[in-house]
Amino acid sequence: MLTAIARRVDRVRVAAGRATAVPVLVRFGILLCGLLAMVVAWPIELLSGRYLIVLALVALWPAVSPRGRGGTASALFAVGGWIVDTAGFDSRVALWRVLVLAALLYLAHTLTALAALLPYDAMVNLDVPGLWLGRAGVVILISAVLIVLALGLTADLGGDAFQLATLVGLAAAVGVTLVLAHAVRRR
């Protein structure tokens, strides 16, 4: 067991010595987005003290190991914090918090995907993460506009029409998921 730990520590030391700037910056972006998502999602009362250390470690996980399950765990912790804050602490659901949390979770997700492709010692121009983040920014902007427009429509729609629109939206989401899953299996 001690030999395995020593080998792992040696691998980390070698990786840290060979690391280049861009992959490290991408991983720092993952950590930053994860931490900010936790701060936006979790109740302020729980962010002071020992809970902050746990949340920081969960946000650090995908930055250190982007190919694992850390990205999913970090996103689930942020969503769990949102549920704890709105259901357990009776916080008001504010549009800005929803949009910021969604944007941070998407940025963390897309940066984790980029980091999974970049080894620590990759020689990469800043154009690569710049274009990657530019596309992510366009997706976030379009999504935010669509959310605000959809919320405006919900004020006009009421009762049965709103329920029908919700069911059609859920059916469309399930349909797209099934088509994508079928397309992936065919390859």
N, C-alpha and C. Protein backbone atom coordinates (compact mmCIF):
# COMPACT_ATOMS: atom_id res chain seq x y z
N MET A 1 0.82 -1.19 0.00
CA MET A 1 0.00 0.00 0.00
C MET A 1 0.86 1.26 0.00
N LEU A 2 1.91 1.26 0.80
CA LEU A 2 2.79 2.42 0.83
C LEU A 2 3.51 2.60 -0.50
N THR A 3 3.80 1.50 -1.17
CA THR A 3 4.45 1.59 -2.47
C THR A 3 3.53 2.24 -3.49
N ALA A 4 2.26 1.90 -3.45
CA ALA A 4 1.29 2.49 -4.37
C ALA A 4 1.14 3.98 -4.12
N ILE A 5 1.10 4.37 -2.86
CA ILE A 5 1.00 5.79 -2.51
C ILE A 5 2.26 6.53 -2.97
N ALA A 6 3.42 5.92 -2.77
CA ALA A 6 4.68 6.55 -3.19
C ALA A 6 4.72 6.70 -4.70
N ARG A 7 4.23 5.71 -5.45
CA ARG A 7 4.20 5.80 -6.91
C ARG A 7 3.25 6.92 -7.36
N ARG A 8 2.13 7.02 -6.71
CA ARG A 8 1.17 8.06 -7.07
C ARG A 8 1.74 9.45 -6.79
N VAL A 9 2.37 9.62 -5.64
CA VAL A 9 3.00 10.91 -5.31
C VAL A 9 4.09 11.24 -6.31
N ASP A 10 4.85 10.23 -6.72
CA ASP A 10 5.90 10.45 -7.72
C ASP A 10 5.31 10.86 -9.06
N ARG A 11 4.19 10.23 -9.46
CA ARG A 11 3.53 10.61 -10.71
C ARG A 11 3.04 12.05 -10.66
N VAL A 12 2.48 12.47 -9.53
CA VAL A 12 2.01 13.85 -9.37
C VAL A 12 3.18 14.82 -9.45
N ARG A 13 4.29 14.47 -8.83
CA ARG A 13 5.48 15.33 -8.86
C ARG A 13 6.01 15.48 -10.28
N VAL A 14 6.06 14.39 -11.04
CA VAL A 14 6.53 14.45 -12.42
C VAL A 14 5.57 15.26 -13.28
N ALA A 15 4.25 15.05 -13.10
CA ALA A 15 3.26 15.80 -13.88
C ALA A 15 3.35 17.29 -13.57
N ALA A 16 3.53 17.64 -12.31
CA ALA A 16 3.63 19.05 -11.93
C ALA A 16 4.89 19.68 -12.54
N GLY A 17 5.95 18.93 -12.65
CA GLY A 17 7.18 19.45 -13.24
C GLY A 17 7.08 19.64 -14.74
N ARG A 18 6.25 18.85 -15.41
CA ARG A 18 6.12 18.94 -16.87
C ARG A 18 4.93 19.79 -17.31
N ALA A 19 4.10 20.25 -16.40
CA ALA A 19 2.88 20.97 -16.74
C ALA A 19 3.19 22.27 -17.46
N THR A 20 2.31 22.59 -18.43
CA THR A 20 2.44 23.86 -19.16
C THR A 20 1.30 24.79 -18.75
N ALA A 21 1.39 26.02 -19.20
CA ALA A 21 0.50 27.07 -18.69
C ALA A 21 -0.97 26.89 -19.09
N VAL A 22 -1.24 26.60 -20.36
CA VAL A 22 -2.63 26.57 -20.81
C VAL A 22 -3.44 25.45 -20.14
N PRO A 23 -2.95 24.20 -20.09
CA PRO A 23 -3.73 23.18 -19.38
C PRO A 23 -3.94 23.50 -17.90
N VAL A 24 -2.96 24.13 -17.28
CA VAL A 24 -3.12 24.52 -15.87
C VAL A 24 -4.17 25.62 -15.75
N LEU A 25 -4.18 26.58 -16.68
CA LEU A 25 -5.19 27.64 -16.66
C LEU A 25 -6.59 27.07 -16.88
N VAL A 26 -6.72 26.10 -17.77
CA VAL A 26 -8.03 25.47 -18.00
C VAL A 26 -8.50 24.79 -16.73
N ARG A 27 -7.61 24.10 -16.06
CA ARG A 27 -7.98 23.41 -14.82
C ARG A 27 -8.31 24.42 -13.70
N PHE A 28 -7.59 25.54 -13.69
CA PHE A 28 -7.93 26.59 -12.74
C PHE A 28 -9.31 27.16 -13.04
N GLY A 29 -9.66 27.29 -14.31
CA GLY A 29 -11.00 27.75 -14.69
C GLY A 29 -12.08 26.80 -14.21
N ILE A 30 -11.81 25.50 -14.28
CA ILE A 30 -12.76 24.51 -13.76
C ILE A 30 -12.97 24.72 -12.27
N LEU A 31 -11.88 24.88 -11.55
CA LEU A 31 -11.97 25.09 -10.10
C LEU A 31 -12.73 26.38 -9.79
N LEU A 32 -12.42 27.45 -10.50
CA LEU A 32 -13.07 28.74 -10.26
C LEU A 32 -14.57 28.67 -10.55
N CYS A 33 -14.94 28.09 -11.69
CA CYS A 33 -16.37 27.96 -12.03
C CYS A 33 -17.09 27.08 -11.02
N GLY A 34 -16.45 26.00 -10.61
CA GLY A 34 -17.06 25.11 -9.61
C GLY A 34 -17.26 25.80 -8.28
N LEU A 35 -16.25 26.53 -7.82
CA LEU A 35 -16.38 27.25 -6.55
C LEU A 35 -17.46 28.32 -6.62
N LEU A 36 -17.47 29.08 -7.70
CA LEU A 36 -18.49 30.12 -7.84
C LEU A 36 -19.89 29.52 -7.93
N ALA A 37 -20.02 28.38 -8.61
CA ALA A 37 -21.33 27.71 -8.68
C ALA A 37 -21.78 27.27 -7.29
N MET A 38 -20.85 26.77 -6.49
CA MET A 38 -21.20 26.36 -5.12
C MET A 38 -21.64 27.57 -4.29
N VAL A 39 -20.93 28.69 -4.45
CA VAL A 39 -21.27 29.89 -3.68
C VAL A 39 -22.64 30.43 -4.08
N VAL A 40 -22.94 30.40 -5.39
CA VAL A 40 -24.24 30.88 -5.85
C VAL A 40 -25.35 29.94 -5.39
N ALA A 41 -25.10 28.65 -5.38
CA ALA A 41 -26.15 27.67 -5.12
C ALA A 41 -26.43 27.45 -3.64
N TRP A 42 -25.41 27.33 -2.84
CA TRP A 42 -25.59 26.94 -1.44
C TRP A 42 -26.03 28.13 -0.58
N PRO A 43 -26.75 27.85 0.50
CA PRO A 43 -27.15 28.94 1.42
C PRO A 43 -25.92 29.60 2.06
N ILE A 44 -26.02 30.88 2.25
CA ILE A 44 -24.91 31.63 2.84
C ILE A 44 -24.55 31.09 4.22
N GLU A 45 -25.56 30.65 4.96
CA GLU A 45 -25.32 30.14 6.31
C GLU A 45 -24.40 28.93 6.31
N LEU A 46 -24.44 28.13 5.24
CA LEU A 46 -23.62 26.92 5.18
C LEU A 46 -22.26 27.15 4.53
N LEU A 47 -22.05 28.34 3.98
CA LEU A 47 -20.77 28.62 3.32
C LEU A 47 -19.69 29.06 4.28
N SER A 48 -20.05 29.33 5.51
CA SER A 48 -19.04 29.70 6.48
C SER A 48 -18.73 28.47 7.34
N GLY A 49 -17.46 28.20 7.47
CA GLY A 49 -17.07 27.08 8.32
C GLY A 49 -16.62 25.87 7.54
N ARG A 50 -16.83 24.72 8.14
CA ARG A 50 -16.28 23.48 7.61
C ARG A 50 -16.95 23.02 6.33
N TYR A 51 -18.18 23.45 6.07
CA TYR A 51 -18.86 23.03 4.84
C TYR A 51 -18.17 23.60 3.61
N LEU A 52 -17.60 24.78 3.73
CA LEU A 52 -16.90 25.40 2.61
C LEU A 52 -15.71 24.57 2.17
N ILE A 53 -15.03 23.93 3.10
CA ILE A 53 -13.89 23.08 2.77
C ILE A 53 -14.34 21.88 1.95
N VAL A 54 -15.45 21.28 2.34
CA VAL A 54 -15.99 20.13 1.59
C VAL A 54 -16.38 20.56 0.18
N LEU A 55 -17.06 21.71 0.07
CA LEU A 55 -17.48 22.20 -1.24
C LEU A 55 -16.27 22.55 -2.11
N ALA A 56 -15.23 23.10 -1.50
CA ALA A 56 -14.01 23.42 -2.26
C ALA A 56 -13.33 22.14 -2.76
N LEU A 57 -13.32 21.11 -1.95
CA LEU A 57 -12.72 19.84 -2.38
C LEU A 57 -13.53 19.20 -3.52
N VAL A 58 -14.84 19.31 -3.44
CA VAL A 58 -15.68 18.78 -4.52
C VAL A 58 -15.45 19.58 -5.79
N ALA A 59 -15.29 20.89 -5.69
CA ALA A 59 -15.03 21.72 -6.87
C ALA A 59 -13.63 21.46 -7.43
N LEU A 60 -12.70 21.06 -6.58
CA LEU A 60 -11.33 20.77 -7.00
C LEU A 60 -11.23 19.43 -7.74
N TRP A 61 -12.10 18.50 -7.41
CA TRP A 61 -12.03 17.15 -7.97
C TRP A 61 -11.99 17.13 -9.50
N PRO A 62 -12.93 17.79 -10.23
CA PRO A 62 -12.84 17.73 -11.69
C PRO A 62 -11.64 18.48 -12.26
N ALA A 63 -11.11 19.43 -11.53
CA ALA A 63 -9.93 20.16 -12.00
C ALA A 63 -8.69 19.26 -11.96
N VAL A 64 -8.62 18.41 -10.96
CA VAL A 64 -7.48 17.51 -10.81
C VAL A 64 -7.64 16.27 -11.69
N SER A 65 -8.85 15.76 -11.78
CA SER A 65 -9.11 14.54 -12.55
C SER A 65 -10.30 14.77 -13.48
N PRO A 66 -10.07 15.45 -14.61
CA PRO A 66 -11.20 15.80 -15.49
C PRO A 66 -11.83 14.62 -16.23
N ARG A 67 -11.13 13.49 -16.31
CA ARG A 67 -11.68 12.35 -17.03
C ARG A 67 -12.54 11.46 -16.14
N GLY A 68 -12.63 11.75 -14.88
CA GLY A 68 -13.39 10.92 -13.96
C GLY A 68 -14.81 11.42 -13.77
N ARG A 69 -15.35 11.09 -12.63
CA ARG A 69 -16.72 11.47 -12.30
C ARG A 69 -16.80 12.76 -11.49
N GLY A 70 -15.70 13.47 -11.38
CA GLY A 70 -15.66 14.68 -10.58
C GLY A 70 -16.56 15.78 -11.10
N GLY A 71 -16.65 15.93 -12.42
CA GLY A 71 -17.51 16.96 -13.00
C GLY A 71 -18.97 16.73 -12.66
N THR A 72 -19.39 15.47 -12.74
CA THR A 72 -20.77 15.13 -12.38
C THR A 72 -21.01 15.36 -10.90
N ALA A 73 -20.08 14.94 -10.06
CA ALA A 73 -20.24 15.13 -8.62
C ALA A 73 -20.31 16.60 -8.26
N SER A 74 -19.46 17.40 -8.88
CA SER A 74 -19.46 18.83 -8.60
C SER A 74 -20.78 19.48 -9.02
N ALA A 75 -21.27 19.12 -10.20
CA ALA A 75 -22.55 19.68 -10.67
C ALA A 75 -23.70 19.23 -9.77
N LEU A 76 -23.69 17.98 -9.36
CA LEU A 76 -24.75 17.48 -8.48
C LEU A 76 -24.70 18.16 -7.11
N PHE A 77 -23.49 18.44 -6.61
CA PHE A 77 -23.38 19.16 -5.34
C PHE A 77 -23.94 20.57 -5.47
N ALA A 78 -23.68 21.22 -6.58
CA ALA A 78 -24.22 22.57 -6.78
C ALA A 78 -25.74 22.54 -6.89
N VAL A 79 -26.28 21.59 -7.64
CA VAL A 79 -27.74 21.47 -7.76
C VAL A 79 -28.34 21.10 -6.41
N GLY A 80 -27.67 20.21 -5.69
CA GLY A 80 -28.14 19.87 -4.34
C GLY A 80 -28.16 21.08 -3.43
N GLY A 81 -27.15 21.93 -3.54
CA GLY A 81 -27.13 23.16 -2.75
C GLY A 81 -28.27 24.09 -3.11
N TRP A 82 -28.59 24.14 -4.40
CA TRP A 82 -29.72 24.96 -4.85
C TRP A 82 -31.02 24.43 -4.23
N ILE A 83 -31.18 23.13 -4.22
CA ILE A 83 -32.39 22.53 -3.65
C ILE A 83 -32.44 22.76 -2.14
N VAL A 84 -31.30 22.61 -1.47
CA VAL A 84 -31.25 22.87 -0.03
C VAL A 84 -31.61 24.32 0.26
N ASP A 85 -31.09 25.24 -0.55
CA ASP A 85 -31.34 26.66 -0.32
C ASP A 85 -32.79 27.04 -0.57
N THR A 86 -33.35 26.56 -1.67
CA THR A 86 -34.72 26.96 -2.01
C THR A 86 -35.77 26.19 -1.23
N ALA A 87 -35.54 24.91 -0.96
CA ALA A 87 -36.54 24.10 -0.25
C ALA A 87 -36.32 24.12 1.26
N GLY A 88 -35.08 23.99 1.68
CA GLY A 88 -34.79 23.90 3.11
C GLY A 88 -34.69 25.23 3.82
N PHE A 89 -34.17 26.24 3.13
CA PHE A 89 -33.99 27.55 3.74
C PHE A 89 -34.99 28.58 3.24
N ASP A 90 -35.93 28.14 2.42
CA ASP A 90 -37.00 28.98 1.88
C ASP A 90 -36.49 30.26 1.21
N SER A 91 -35.38 30.14 0.50
CA SER A 91 -34.89 31.30 -0.24
C SER A 91 -35.76 31.51 -1.48
N ARG A 92 -35.86 32.76 -1.86
CA ARG A 92 -36.64 33.12 -3.04
C ARG A 92 -35.85 32.72 -4.29
N VAL A 93 -36.53 32.19 -5.28
CA VAL A 93 -35.89 31.84 -6.55
C VAL A 93 -35.77 33.11 -7.38
N ALA A 94 -34.54 33.55 -7.56
CA ALA A 94 -34.29 34.77 -8.33
C ALA A 94 -33.74 34.39 -9.70
N LEU A 95 -34.20 35.10 -10.72
CA LEU A 95 -33.79 34.80 -12.09
C LEU A 95 -32.28 34.92 -12.26
N TRP A 96 -31.67 35.93 -11.66
CA TRP A 96 -30.24 36.11 -11.84
C TRP A 96 -29.47 34.92 -11.28
N ARG A 97 -29.93 34.36 -10.16
CA ARG A 97 -29.23 33.20 -9.58
C ARG A 97 -29.36 31.98 -10.48
N VAL A 98 -30.53 31.78 -11.05
CA VAL A 98 -30.73 30.64 -11.95
C VAL A 98 -29.82 30.77 -13.16
N LEU A 99 -29.79 31.96 -13.76
CA LEU A 99 -28.97 32.17 -14.95
C LEU A 99 -27.48 32.05 -14.64
N VAL A 100 -27.04 32.62 -13.53
CA VAL A 100 -25.62 32.55 -13.17
C VAL A 100 -25.22 31.12 -12.84
N LEU A 101 -26.06 30.41 -12.09
CA LEU A 101 -25.74 29.03 -11.75
C LEU A 101 -25.68 28.16 -13.01
N ALA A 102 -26.64 28.32 -13.91
CA ALA A 102 -26.63 27.55 -15.15
C ALA A 102 -25.39 27.87 -15.98
N ALA A 103 -25.03 29.15 -16.06
CA ALA A 103 -23.85 29.54 -16.84
C ALA A 103 -22.58 28.97 -16.23
N LEU A 104 -22.45 29.03 -14.91
CA LEU A 104 -21.25 28.51 -14.27
C LEU A 104 -21.15 27.00 -14.40
N LEU A 105 -22.27 26.31 -14.27
CA LEU A 105 -22.25 24.86 -14.43
C LEU A 105 -21.90 24.47 -15.86
N TYR A 106 -22.41 25.22 -16.84
CA TYR A 106 -22.07 24.92 -18.23
C TYR A 106 -20.60 25.20 -18.50
N LEU A 107 -20.09 26.32 -17.99
CA LEU A 107 -18.68 26.63 -18.18
C LEU A 107 -17.79 25.58 -17.53
N ALA A 108 -18.14 25.15 -16.32
CA ALA A 108 -17.35 24.11 -15.66
C ALA A 108 -17.40 22.82 -16.47
N HIS A 109 -18.58 22.50 -17.00
CA HIS A 109 -18.73 21.28 -17.80
C HIS A 109 -17.89 21.34 -19.06
N THR A 110 -17.96 22.44 -19.78
CA THR A 110 -17.23 22.53 -21.05
C THR A 110 -15.72 22.63 -20.83
N LEU A 111 -15.30 23.29 -19.75
CA LEU A 111 -13.87 23.33 -19.44
C LEU A 111 -13.36 21.97 -18.99
N THR A 112 -14.20 21.21 -18.30
CA THR A 112 -13.81 19.85 -17.91
C THR A 112 -13.64 18.98 -19.14
N ALA A 113 -14.51 19.14 -20.13
CA ALA A 113 -14.36 18.40 -21.38
C ALA A 113 -13.06 18.78 -22.09
N LEU A 114 -12.73 20.06 -22.10
CA LEU A 114 -11.48 20.49 -22.72
C LEU A 114 -10.28 19.95 -21.95
N ALA A 115 -10.33 20.02 -20.63
CA ALA A 115 -9.22 19.52 -19.82
C ALA A 115 -9.03 18.02 -19.97
N ALA A 116 -10.12 17.29 -20.20
CA ALA A 116 -10.00 15.85 -20.41
C ALA A 116 -9.23 15.55 -21.69
N LEU A 117 -9.25 16.47 -22.64
CA LEU A 117 -8.53 16.27 -23.90
C LEU A 117 -7.08 16.75 -23.82
N LEU A 118 -6.80 17.68 -22.91
CA LEU A 118 -5.46 18.27 -22.84
C LEU A 118 -4.63 17.59 -21.75
N PRO A 119 -3.53 16.95 -22.13
CA PRO A 119 -2.61 16.47 -21.10
C PRO A 119 -1.98 17.66 -20.38
N TYR A 120 -1.44 17.41 -19.20
CA TYR A 120 -0.83 18.50 -18.43
C TYR A 120 0.32 19.16 -19.17
N ASP A 121 1.02 18.40 -20.00
CA ASP A 121 2.21 18.94 -20.65
C ASP A 121 1.97 19.31 -22.12
N ALA A 122 0.72 19.53 -22.51
CA ALA A 122 0.40 19.89 -23.89
C ALA A 122 0.83 21.32 -24.18
N MET A 123 1.41 21.50 -25.37
CA MET A 123 1.77 22.84 -25.83
C MET A 123 0.61 23.35 -26.67
N VAL A 124 -0.17 24.29 -26.12
CA VAL A 124 -1.39 24.75 -26.76
C VAL A 124 -1.38 26.27 -26.79
N ASN A 125 -1.81 26.84 -27.92
CA ASN A 125 -1.98 28.29 -28.00
C ASN A 125 -3.18 28.71 -27.18
N LEU A 126 -3.21 29.96 -26.78
CA LEU A 126 -4.36 30.48 -26.05
C LEU A 126 -5.61 30.57 -26.92
N ASP A 127 -5.44 30.45 -28.24
CA ASP A 127 -6.60 30.48 -29.13
C ASP A 127 -7.55 29.32 -28.87
N VAL A 128 -7.00 28.17 -28.52
CA VAL A 128 -7.83 26.97 -28.33
C VAL A 128 -8.82 27.18 -27.19
N PRO A 129 -8.38 27.49 -25.98
CA PRO A 129 -9.39 27.73 -24.93
C PRO A 129 -10.19 29.00 -25.18
N GLY A 130 -9.60 29.98 -25.88
CA GLY A 130 -10.34 31.20 -26.20
C GLY A 130 -11.54 30.92 -27.09
N LEU A 131 -11.32 30.15 -28.17
CA LEU A 131 -12.42 29.78 -29.06
C LEU A 131 -13.42 28.87 -28.35
N TRP A 132 -12.90 27.98 -27.51
CA TRP A 132 -13.76 27.07 -26.75
C TRP A 132 -14.69 27.86 -25.83
N LEU A 133 -14.12 28.84 -25.13
CA LEU A 133 -14.93 29.67 -24.24
C LEU A 133 -15.83 30.63 -25.01
N GLY A 134 -15.39 31.06 -26.18
CA GLY A 134 -16.24 31.91 -27.02
C GLY A 134 -17.51 31.20 -27.44
N ARG A 135 -17.36 29.94 -27.88
CA ARG A 135 -18.54 29.15 -28.24
C ARG A 135 -19.43 28.92 -27.03
N ALA A 136 -18.82 28.67 -25.89
CA ALA A 136 -19.60 28.47 -24.67
C ALA A 136 -20.35 29.75 -24.31
N GLY A 137 -19.72 30.90 -24.51
CA GLY A 137 -20.38 32.17 -24.23
C GLY A 137 -21.59 32.40 -25.13
N VAL A 138 -21.47 32.01 -26.40
CA VAL A 138 -22.60 32.14 -27.32
C VAL A 138 -23.75 31.24 -26.87
N VAL A 139 -23.43 30.01 -26.48
CA VAL A 139 -24.47 29.09 -25.99
C VAL A 139 -25.15 29.65 -24.75
N ILE A 140 -24.37 30.19 -23.84
CA ILE A 140 -24.92 30.76 -22.60
C ILE A 140 -25.82 31.95 -22.92
N LEU A 141 -25.38 32.82 -23.82
CA LEU A 141 -26.18 34.00 -24.18
C LEU A 141 -27.50 33.59 -24.82
N ILE A 142 -27.45 32.67 -25.78
CA ILE A 142 -28.67 32.22 -26.45
C ILE A 142 -29.61 31.55 -25.44
N SER A 143 -29.06 30.74 -24.56
CA SER A 143 -29.87 30.06 -23.55
C SER A 143 -30.53 31.06 -22.61
N ALA A 144 -29.78 32.07 -22.19
CA ALA A 144 -30.34 33.07 -21.27
C ALA A 144 -31.47 33.84 -21.94
N VAL A 145 -31.29 34.20 -23.19
CA VAL A 145 -32.35 34.93 -23.91
C VAL A 145 -33.59 34.05 -24.04
N LEU A 146 -33.39 32.77 -24.39
CA LEU A 146 -34.53 31.87 -24.52
C LEU A 146 -35.24 31.65 -23.19
N ILE A 147 -34.49 31.58 -22.10
CA ILE A 147 -35.11 31.42 -20.78
C ILE A 147 -35.96 32.63 -20.43
N VAL A 148 -35.42 33.81 -20.67
CA VAL A 148 -36.19 35.02 -20.36
C VAL A 148 -37.44 35.11 -21.23
N LEU A 149 -37.32 34.76 -22.53
CA LEU A 149 -38.49 34.76 -23.40
C LEU A 149 -39.52 33.72 -22.95
N ALA A 150 -39.04 32.54 -22.56
CA ALA A 150 -39.97 31.49 -22.10
C ALA A 150 -40.67 31.92 -20.82
N LEU A 151 -39.95 32.59 -19.94
CA LEU A 151 -40.59 33.07 -18.71
C LEU A 151 -41.62 34.15 -19.02
N GLY A 152 -41.36 34.96 -20.03
CA GLY A 152 -42.34 35.94 -20.46
C GLY A 152 -43.59 35.28 -21.01
N LEU A 153 -43.42 34.17 -21.71
CA LEU A 153 -44.57 33.44 -22.24
C LEU A 153 -45.38 32.77 -21.13
N THR A 154 -44.69 32.32 -20.08
CA THR A 154 -45.42 31.67 -19.00
C THR A 154 -46.34 32.64 -18.28
N ALA A 155 -45.99 33.91 -18.31
CA ALA A 155 -46.88 34.90 -17.70
C ALA A 155 -48.16 35.03 -18.52
N ASP A 156 -48.03 34.88 -19.86
CA ASP A 156 -49.20 34.96 -20.74
C ASP A 156 -50.00 33.67 -20.73
N LEU A 157 -49.29 32.55 -20.69
CA LEU A 157 -49.97 31.26 -20.66
C LEU A 157 -50.35 30.93 -19.22
N GLY A 158 -51.45 30.34 -19.04
CA GLY A 158 -51.83 29.96 -17.69
C GLY A 158 -52.60 28.66 -17.71
N GLY A 159 -52.58 27.97 -16.62
CA GLY A 159 -53.39 26.78 -16.45
C GLY A 159 -53.06 25.67 -17.42
N ASP A 160 -54.07 25.22 -18.19
CA ASP A 160 -53.93 24.07 -19.06
C ASP A 160 -52.92 24.29 -20.19
N ALA A 161 -52.86 25.49 -20.74
CA ALA A 161 -51.93 25.76 -21.83
C ALA A 161 -50.48 25.64 -21.34
N PHE A 162 -50.22 26.10 -20.14
CA PHE A 162 -48.88 25.99 -19.58
C PHE A 162 -48.51 24.54 -19.32
N GLN A 163 -49.45 23.77 -18.80
CA GLN A 163 -49.19 22.35 -18.55
C GLN A 163 -48.95 21.60 -19.85
N LEU A 164 -49.71 21.92 -20.89
CA LEU A 164 -49.51 21.29 -22.19
C LEU A 164 -48.14 21.63 -22.76
N ALA A 165 -47.75 22.89 -22.66
CA ALA A 165 -46.44 23.30 -23.15
C ALA A 165 -45.32 22.60 -22.38
N THR A 166 -45.49 22.42 -21.08
CA THR A 166 -44.50 21.71 -20.28
C THR A 166 -44.38 20.26 -20.72
N LEU A 167 -45.50 19.60 -20.93
CA LEU A 167 -45.47 18.20 -21.36
C LEU A 167 -44.85 18.05 -22.75
N VAL A 168 -45.16 18.97 -23.67
CA VAL A 168 -44.57 18.92 -25.01
C VAL A 168 -43.06 19.13 -24.92
N GLY A 169 -42.62 20.04 -24.08
CA GLY A 169 -41.19 20.28 -23.90
C GLY A 169 -40.48 19.07 -23.32
N LEU A 170 -41.09 18.43 -22.33
CA LEU A 170 -40.50 17.21 -21.76
C LEU A 170 -40.44 16.09 -22.79
N ALA A 171 -41.50 15.93 -23.57
CA ALA A 171 -41.52 14.89 -24.60
C ALA A 171 -40.43 15.16 -25.65
N ALA A 172 -40.24 16.42 -26.02
CA ALA A 172 -39.20 16.77 -26.99
C ALA A 172 -37.82 16.47 -26.41
N ALA A 173 -37.60 16.78 -25.14
CA ALA A 173 -36.30 16.50 -24.51
C ALA A 173 -36.03 15.01 -24.47
N VAL A 174 -37.03 14.22 -24.12
CA VAL A 174 -36.86 12.76 -24.09
C VAL A 174 -36.60 12.24 -25.50
N GLY A 175 -37.33 12.77 -26.48
CA GLY A 175 -37.13 12.34 -27.86
C GLY A 175 -35.73 12.63 -28.37
N VAL A 176 -35.23 13.81 -28.10
CA VAL A 176 -33.87 14.17 -28.53
C VAL A 176 -32.85 13.27 -27.84
N THR A 177 -33.04 12.99 -26.56
CA THR A 177 -32.14 12.11 -25.83
C THR A 177 -32.12 10.72 -26.43
N LEU A 178 -33.29 10.19 -26.76
CA LEU A 178 -33.36 8.86 -27.36
C LEU A 178 -32.69 8.83 -28.73
N VAL A 179 -32.90 9.84 -29.54
CA VAL A 179 -32.27 9.89 -30.87
C VAL A 179 -30.75 9.95 -30.73
N LEU A 180 -30.25 10.78 -29.82
CA LEU A 180 -28.81 10.88 -29.62
C LEU A 180 -28.23 9.57 -29.08
N ALA A 181 -28.91 8.93 -28.16
CA ALA A 181 -28.43 7.65 -27.62
C ALA A 181 -28.39 6.60 -28.72
N HIS A 182 -29.40 6.58 -29.59
CA HIS A 182 -29.43 5.62 -30.70
C HIS A 182 -28.28 5.90 -31.68
N ALA A 183 -28.02 7.17 -31.94
CA ALA A 183 -26.95 7.55 -32.86
C ALA A 183 -25.58 7.15 -32.30
N VAL A 184 -25.39 7.28 -30.99
CA VAL A 184 -24.11 6.91 -30.38
C VAL A 184 -23.92 5.40 -30.44
N ARG A 185 -24.97 4.63 -30.19
CA ARG A 185 -24.87 3.17 -30.21
C ARG A 185 -24.57 2.64 -31.60
N ARG A 186 -25.02 3.32 -32.64
CA ARG A 186 -24.81 2.85 -34.00
C ARG A 186 -23.36 2.96 -34.43
N ARG A 187 -22.60 3.79 -33.82
CA ARG A 187 -21.19 3.98 -34.20
C ARG A 187 -20.38 2.87 -33.74
